[in-house]
């Protein structure tokens, strides 16, 4: 499984009214970018969220969350949320909002 299509659709529906939204295959999954900056994505059955360096420690302290690490070197400001951590619509919305807020804080690419 490359990525969970159901999870991707749930994220897509939350982001459908965001200006500058694009989707791109990345990290073996699907990424959602706002004006060229990644906000979040889905890989396998996990949610990737770009929370930024300032939000990283608080995010990884949450249940079902770990640093995003593809190569043995965790990426600062990026986290992965396991399925139990975004199972409810409210939890998913909260994570997606954090990714949107960080992506919107960056200059467009």
C-alpha atoms as a PDB file:
ATOM      1  CA  UNK A   1       0.000   0.000   0.000  1.00  0.00           C
ATOM      2  CA  UNK A   2       1.533   3.290  -1.092  1.00  0.00           C
ATOM      3  CA  UNK A   3      -0.870   5.377   0.959  1.00  0.00           C
ATOM      4  CA  UNK A   4      -4.313   5.132   2.489  1.00  0.00           C
ATOM      5  CA  UNK A   5      -6.687   6.630  -0.084  1.00  0.00           C
ATOM      6  CA  UNK A   6      -9.429   7.040   2.539  1.00  0.00           C
ATOM      7  CA  UNK A   7      -7.162   9.097   4.793  1.00  0.00           C
ATOM      8  CA  UNK A   8      -6.016  11.151   1.802  1.00  0.00           C
ATOM      9  CA  UNK A   9      -9.629  11.855   0.865  1.00  0.00           C
ATOM     10  CA  UNK A  10     -10.428  12.983   4.410  1.00  0.00           C
ATOM     11  CA  UNK A  11      -7.504  15.442   4.276  1.00  0.00           C
ATOM     12  CA  UNK A  12      -8.487  16.555   0.763  1.00  0.00           C
ATOM     13  CA  UNK A  13     -11.996  17.406   1.975  1.00  0.00           C
ATOM     14  CA  UNK A  14     -10.605  19.512   4.830  1.00  0.00           C
ATOM     15  CA  UNK A  15      -8.366  21.420   2.426  1.00  0.00           C
ATOM     16  CA  UNK A  16     -10.680  21.764  -0.576  1.00  0.00           C
ATOM     17  CA  UNK A  17     -11.388  25.465   0.024  1.00  0.00           C
ATOM     18  CA  UNK A  18      -7.758  26.435   0.677  1.00  0.00           C
ATOM     19  CA  UNK A  19      -6.361  28.757  -1.998  1.00  0.00           C
ATOM     20  CA  UNK A  20      -3.161  27.607  -3.665  1.00  0.00           C
ATOM     21  CA  UNK A  21      -3.726  23.909  -2.891  1.00  0.00           C
ATOM     22  CA  UNK A  22      -1.818  21.335  -4.933  1.00  0.00           C
ATOM     23  CA  UNK A  23      -1.185  17.648  -4.458  1.00  0.00           C
ATOM     24  CA  UNK A  24       2.123  15.978  -5.163  1.00  0.00           C
ATOM     25  CA  UNK A  25       3.366  12.423  -4.791  1.00  0.00           C
ATOM     26  CA  UNK A  26       6.184  12.538  -2.231  1.00  0.00           C
ATOM     27  CA  UNK A  27       7.768  10.247   0.349  1.00  0.00           C
ATOM     28  CA  UNK A  28       5.938   7.256  -1.125  1.00  0.00           C
ATOM     29  CA  UNK A  29       2.607   8.931  -0.437  1.00  0.00           C
ATOM     30  CA  UNK A  30       0.645  12.051  -1.254  1.00  0.00           C
ATOM     31  CA  UNK A  31       1.529  15.538  -0.024  1.00  0.00           C
ATOM     32  CA  UNK A  32      -0.749  18.560   0.181  1.00  0.00           C
ATOM     33  CA  UNK A  33       0.974  21.854  -0.564  1.00  0.00           C
ATOM     34  CA  UNK A  34      -0.258  25.410  -0.126  1.00  0.00           C
ATOM     35  CA  UNK A  35       1.417  27.880  -2.467  1.00  0.00           C
ATOM     36  CA  UNK A  36       4.213  25.351  -2.947  1.00  0.00           C
ATOM     37  CA  UNK A  37       4.845  24.670   0.757  1.00  0.00           C
ATOM     38  CA  UNK A  38       3.977  21.281   2.187  1.00  0.00           C
ATOM     39  CA  UNK A  39       1.352  21.403   4.929  1.00  0.00           C
ATOM     40  CA  UNK A  40       0.613  17.716   5.414  1.00  0.00           C
ATOM     41  CA  UNK A  41       0.323  14.414   3.638  1.00  0.00           C
ATOM     42  CA  UNK A  42      -0.419  10.735   3.914  1.00  0.00           C
ATOM     43  CA  UNK A  43       2.100   7.924   3.603  1.00  0.00           C
ATOM     44  CA  UNK A  44       0.974   4.337   4.111  1.00  0.00           C
ATOM     45  CA  UNK A  45      -1.669   4.777   6.812  1.00  0.00           C
ATOM     46  CA  UNK A  46       0.069   7.629   8.621  1.00  0.00           C
ATOM     47  CA  UNK A  47      -0.454  11.371   8.519  1.00  0.00           C
ATOM     48  CA  UNK A  48       2.600  13.579   7.932  1.00  0.00           C
ATOM     49  CA  UNK A  49       2.329  17.103   9.281  1.00  0.00           C
ATOM     50  CA  UNK A  50       4.743  19.988   8.943  1.00  0.00           C
ATOM     51  CA  UNK A  51       4.450  21.729  12.306  1.00  0.00           C
ATOM     52  CA  UNK A  52       7.658  23.774  12.123  1.00  0.00           C
ATOM     53  CA  UNK A  53      10.610  23.786  14.515  1.00  0.00           C
ATOM     54  CA  UNK A  54       8.709  25.718  17.204  1.00  0.00           C
ATOM     55  CA  UNK A  55       5.795  23.276  17.201  1.00  0.00           C
ATOM     56  CA  UNK A  56       7.862  20.098  17.021  1.00  0.00           C
ATOM     57  CA  UNK A  57       8.382  19.335  20.738  1.00  0.00           C
ATOM     58  CA  UNK A  58       4.726  19.883  21.630  1.00  0.00           C
ATOM     59  CA  UNK A  59       3.584  17.750  18.701  1.00  0.00           C
ATOM     60  CA  UNK A  60       5.825  14.757  19.412  1.00  0.00           C
ATOM     61  CA  UNK A  61       4.682  14.756  23.038  1.00  0.00           C
ATOM     62  CA  UNK A  62       1.171  13.824  21.878  1.00  0.00           C
ATOM     63  CA  UNK A  63       0.004  10.193  21.780  1.00  0.00           C
ATOM     64  CA  UNK A  64       0.568   8.301  18.513  1.00  0.00           C
ATOM     65  CA  UNK A  65       3.044  10.928  17.225  1.00  0.00           C
ATOM     66  CA  UNK A  66       6.718  10.515  16.343  1.00  0.00           C
ATOM     67  CA  UNK A  67       9.313  12.551  14.478  1.00  0.00           C
ATOM     68  CA  UNK A  68       9.285  12.180  10.687  1.00  0.00           C
ATOM     69  CA  UNK A  69      12.348  10.123   9.766  1.00  0.00           C
ATOM     70  CA  UNK A  70      12.983   8.457   6.417  1.00  0.00           C
ATOM     71  CA  UNK A  71      16.771   8.200   6.504  1.00  0.00           C
ATOM     72  CA  UNK A  72      17.789   7.799  10.145  1.00  0.00           C
ATOM     73  CA  UNK A  73      17.968  11.566  10.534  1.00  0.00           C
ATOM     74  CA  UNK A  74      14.658  13.016  11.819  1.00  0.00           C
ATOM     75  CA  UNK A  75      13.457  16.103  10.004  1.00  0.00           C
ATOM     76  CA  UNK A  76      13.013  18.993  12.445  1.00  0.00           C
ATOM     77  CA  UNK A  77       9.540  20.440  12.344  1.00  0.00           C
ATOM     78  CA  UNK A  78       7.955  17.403  10.679  1.00  0.00           C
ATOM     79  CA  UNK A  79       5.961  14.727  12.498  1.00  0.00           C
ATOM     80  CA  UNK A  80       4.080  11.544  11.719  1.00  0.00           C
ATOM     81  CA  UNK A  81       0.759  10.733  13.348  1.00  0.00           C
ATOM     82  CA  UNK A  82      -0.341   7.111  13.539  1.00  0.00           C
ATOM     83  CA  UNK A  83      -3.909   6.206  12.547  1.00  0.00           C
ATOM     84  CA  UNK A  84      -5.164   6.216  16.151  1.00  0.00           C
ATOM     85  CA  UNK A  85      -3.955   9.801  16.483  1.00  0.00           C
ATOM     86  CA  UNK A  86      -6.183  11.124  13.702  1.00  0.00           C
ATOM     87  CA  UNK A  87      -9.040   8.639  13.847  1.00  0.00           C
ATOM     88  CA  UNK A  88     -11.652  11.211  14.880  1.00  0.00           C
ATOM     89  CA  UNK A  89     -12.603  13.995  12.487  1.00  0.00           C
ATOM     90  CA  UNK A  90     -11.717  16.574  15.165  1.00  0.00           C
ATOM     91  CA  UNK A  91      -8.228  15.132  15.700  1.00  0.00           C
ATOM     92  CA  UNK A  92      -7.573  15.066  11.948  1.00  0.00           C
ATOM     93  CA  UNK A  93      -8.808  18.621  11.596  1.00  0.00           C
ATOM     94  CA  UNK A  94      -6.538  19.791  14.428  1.00  0.00           C
ATOM     95  CA  UNK A  95      -3.462  18.238  12.823  1.00  0.00           C
ATOM     96  CA  UNK A  96      -4.317  19.546   9.364  1.00  0.00           C
ATOM     97  CA  UNK A  97      -4.850  23.050  10.784  1.00  0.00           C
ATOM     98  CA  UNK A  98      -1.367  22.976  12.309  1.00  0.00           C
ATOM     99  CA  UNK A  99       0.119  22.027   8.954  1.00  0.00           C
ATOM    100  CA  UNK A 100      -1.873  24.734   7.173  1.00  0.00           C
ATOM    101  CA  UNK A 101      -0.815  27.362   9.713  1.00  0.00           C
ATOM    102  CA  UNK A 102       2.850  26.528   9.259  1.00  0.00           C
ATOM    103  CA  UNK A 103       2.653  26.358   5.451  1.00  0.00           C
ATOM    104  CA  UNK A 104       0.866  29.726   5.388  1.00  0.00           C
ATOM    105  CA  UNK A 105       3.634  31.242   7.546  1.00  0.00           C
ATOM    106  CA  UNK A 106       6.148  30.646   4.738  1.00  0.00           C
ATOM    107  CA  UNK A 107       6.587  32.742   1.599  1.00  0.00           C
ATOM    108  CA  UNK A 108       4.988  31.237  -1.521  1.00  0.00           C
ATOM    109  CA  UNK A 109       7.310  29.216  -3.750  1.00  0.00           C
END
